[in-house]
Amino acid sequence: MILGLGPLRFCDSSGISQLIKVFRRCQEHRIRLNLAAPPAFLRRLLNTTGLIQLFEIQETLEQALRDLNGWEPDANAAPAPSI
């Protein structure tokens, strides 16, 4: 599973709690979890709390998809819509 976090602008303890729940659920079901493009503030928060070690992190969504499936973007494809 890939969580695309690029658009994220705020995360408090509730958001961190949800990330932990998703992590645990993925572990229970043997699903690989990857955080794609987490903003700098979230990386600092994960580092400070020691939670960064739980997650696979990629700089971009494209890198996360490639890492997960060996996916390569189609050069002729339309750009993904912004959220």
C-alpha atoms as a PDB file:
ATOM      1  CA  MET A   1       0.000   0.000   0.000  1.00  0.00           C
ATOM      2  CA  ILE A   2       1.237   3.449  -0.845  1.00  0.00           C
ATOM      3  CA  LEU A   3       0.151   6.533   1.044  1.00  0.00           C
ATOM      4  CA  GLY A   4       0.803   9.590  -1.114  1.00  0.00           C
ATOM      5  CA  LEU A   5       1.481  12.308   1.454  1.00  0.00           C
ATOM      6  CA  GLY A   6       2.711  15.115  -0.784  1.00  0.00           C
ATOM      7  CA  PRO A   7      -0.443  17.247  -0.354  1.00  0.00           C
ATOM      8  CA  LEU A   8      -0.379  16.884   3.453  1.00  0.00           C
ATOM      9  CA  ARG A   9      -0.090  20.252   5.211  1.00  0.00           C
ATOM     10  CA  PHE A  10      -0.797  19.341   8.844  1.00  0.00           C
ATOM     11  CA  CYS A  11      -0.498  16.307  11.085  1.00  0.00           C
ATOM     12  CA  ASP A  12      -1.051  16.161  14.829  1.00  0.00           C
ATOM     13  CA  SER A  13      -1.191  13.271  17.295  1.00  0.00           C
ATOM     14  CA  SER A  14      -4.463  12.061  15.741  1.00  0.00           C
ATOM     15  CA  GLY A  15      -2.809  11.815  12.346  1.00  0.00           C
ATOM     16  CA  ILE A  16       0.189   9.982  13.789  1.00  0.00           C
ATOM     17  CA  SER A  17      -2.211   7.617  15.553  1.00  0.00           C
ATOM     18  CA  GLN A  18      -3.892   6.875  12.213  1.00  0.00           C
ATOM     19  CA  LEU A  19      -0.537   6.191  10.545  1.00  0.00           C
ATOM     20  CA  ILE A  20       0.275   3.719  13.322  1.00  0.00           C
ATOM     21  CA  LYS A  21      -3.119   2.023  12.892  1.00  0.00           C
ATOM     22  CA  VAL A  22      -2.561   1.699   9.142  1.00  0.00           C
ATOM     23  CA  PHE A  23       0.934   0.326   9.777  1.00  0.00           C
ATOM     24  CA  ARG A  24      -0.404  -2.291  12.210  1.00  0.00           C
ATOM     25  CA  ARG A  25      -3.239  -3.287   9.893  1.00  0.00           C
ATOM     26  CA  CYS A  26      -0.807  -3.700   7.027  1.00  0.00           C
ATOM     27  CA  GLN A  27       1.440  -5.858   9.212  1.00  0.00           C
ATOM     28  CA  GLU A  28      -1.510  -8.050  10.225  1.00  0.00           C
ATOM     29  CA  HIS A  29      -2.357  -8.659   6.577  1.00  0.00           C
ATOM     30  CA  ARG A  30       1.248  -8.851   5.363  1.00  0.00           C
ATOM     31  CA  ILE A  31       0.816  -5.778   3.201  1.00  0.00           C
ATOM     32  CA  ARG A  32       3.832  -3.654   2.439  1.00  0.00           C
ATOM     33  CA  LEU A  33       3.330  -0.011   3.439  1.00  0.00           C
ATOM     34  CA  ASN A  34       5.178   2.833   1.766  1.00  0.00           C
ATOM     35  CA  LEU A  35       4.900   6.546   2.525  1.00  0.00           C
ATOM     36  CA  ALA A  36       5.352   8.535  -0.658  1.00  0.00           C
ATOM     37  CA  ALA A  37       6.558  12.141  -0.638  1.00  0.00           C
ATOM     38  CA  PRO A  38       6.024  12.902   3.048  1.00  0.00           C
ATOM     39  CA  PRO A  39       6.540  16.618   3.701  1.00  0.00           C
ATOM     40  CA  ALA A  40       9.584  17.717   5.692  1.00  0.00           C
ATOM     41  CA  PHE A  41       7.503  18.537   8.801  1.00  0.00           C
ATOM     42  CA  LEU A  42       6.127  14.972   8.867  1.00  0.00           C
ATOM     43  CA  ARG A  43       9.588  13.455   8.465  1.00  0.00           C
ATOM     44  CA  ARG A  44      10.799  15.550  11.411  1.00  0.00           C
ATOM     45  CA  LEU A  45       7.812  14.427  13.468  1.00  0.00           C
ATOM     46  CA  LEU A  46       8.422  10.767  12.606  1.00  0.00           C
ATOM     47  CA  ASN A  47      12.137  11.164  13.411  1.00  0.00           C
ATOM     48  CA  THR A  48      11.431  12.870  16.728  1.00  0.00           C
ATOM     49  CA  THR A  49       9.003  10.140  17.790  1.00  0.00           C
ATOM     50  CA  GLY A  50      11.213   7.309  16.530  1.00  0.00           C
ATOM     51  CA  LEU A  51       8.409   6.124  14.253  1.00  0.00           C
ATOM     52  CA  ILE A  52      10.368   6.727  11.060  1.00  0.00           C
ATOM     53  CA  GLN A  53      11.868   3.241  11.393  1.00  0.00           C
ATOM     54  CA  LEU A  54       8.412   1.687  10.926  1.00  0.00           C
ATOM     55  CA  PHE A  55       7.872   3.002   7.420  1.00  0.00           C
ATOM     56  CA  GLU A  56       9.376   2.612   3.996  1.00  0.00           C
ATOM     57  CA  ILE A  57       9.683   6.133   2.618  1.00  0.00           C
ATOM     58  CA  GLN A  58      10.136   7.282  -0.963  1.00  0.00           C
ATOM     59  CA  GLU A  59      10.728  10.845  -2.148  1.00  0.00           C
ATOM     60  CA  THR A  60       7.991  10.731  -4.808  1.00  0.00           C
ATOM     61  CA  LEU A  61       4.866   8.763  -5.620  1.00  0.00           C
ATOM     62  CA  GLU A  62       6.493   7.581  -8.838  1.00  0.00           C
ATOM     63  CA  GLN A  63       9.461   6.178  -6.895  1.00  0.00           C
ATOM     64  CA  ALA A  64       7.107   4.399  -4.500  1.00  0.00           C
ATOM     65  CA  LEU A  65       5.160   2.827  -7.381  1.00  0.00           C
ATOM     66  CA  ARG A  66       8.344   1.780  -9.133  1.00  0.00           C
ATOM     67  CA  ASP A  67       9.716   0.300  -5.909  1.00  0.00           C
ATOM     68  CA  LEU A  68       6.492  -1.553  -5.190  1.00  0.00           C
ATOM     69  CA  ASN A  69       5.758  -3.043  -8.596  1.00  0.00           C
ATOM     70  CA  GLY A  70       8.646  -2.353 -10.865  1.00  0.00           C
ATOM     71  CA  TRP A  71       6.247   0.195 -12.414  1.00  0.00           C
ATOM     72  CA  GLU A  72       7.610   2.705 -14.862  1.00  0.00           C
ATOM     73  CA  PRO A  73       5.607   5.811 -15.789  1.00  0.00           C
ATOM     74  CA  ASP A  74       4.319   6.025 -19.352  1.00  0.00           C
ATOM     75  CA  ALA A  75       6.030   8.977 -21.001  1.00  0.00           C
ATOM     76  CA  ASN A  76       2.906   9.600 -23.095  1.00  0.00           C
ATOM     77  CA  ALA A  77       0.431   9.431 -20.232  1.00  0.00           C
ATOM     78  CA  ALA A  78      -1.423  12.500 -19.036  1.00  0.00           C
ATOM     79  CA  PRO A  79      -0.144  13.892 -15.724  1.00  0.00           C
ATOM     80  CA  ALA A  80      -1.931  12.746 -12.598  1.00  0.00           C
ATOM     81  CA  PRO A  81      -4.527  15.187 -11.318  1.00  0.00           C
ATOM     82  CA  SER A  82      -3.588  17.220  -8.270  1.00  0.00           C
ATOM     83  CA  ILE A  83      -5.562  16.731  -5.132  1.00  0.00           C
END
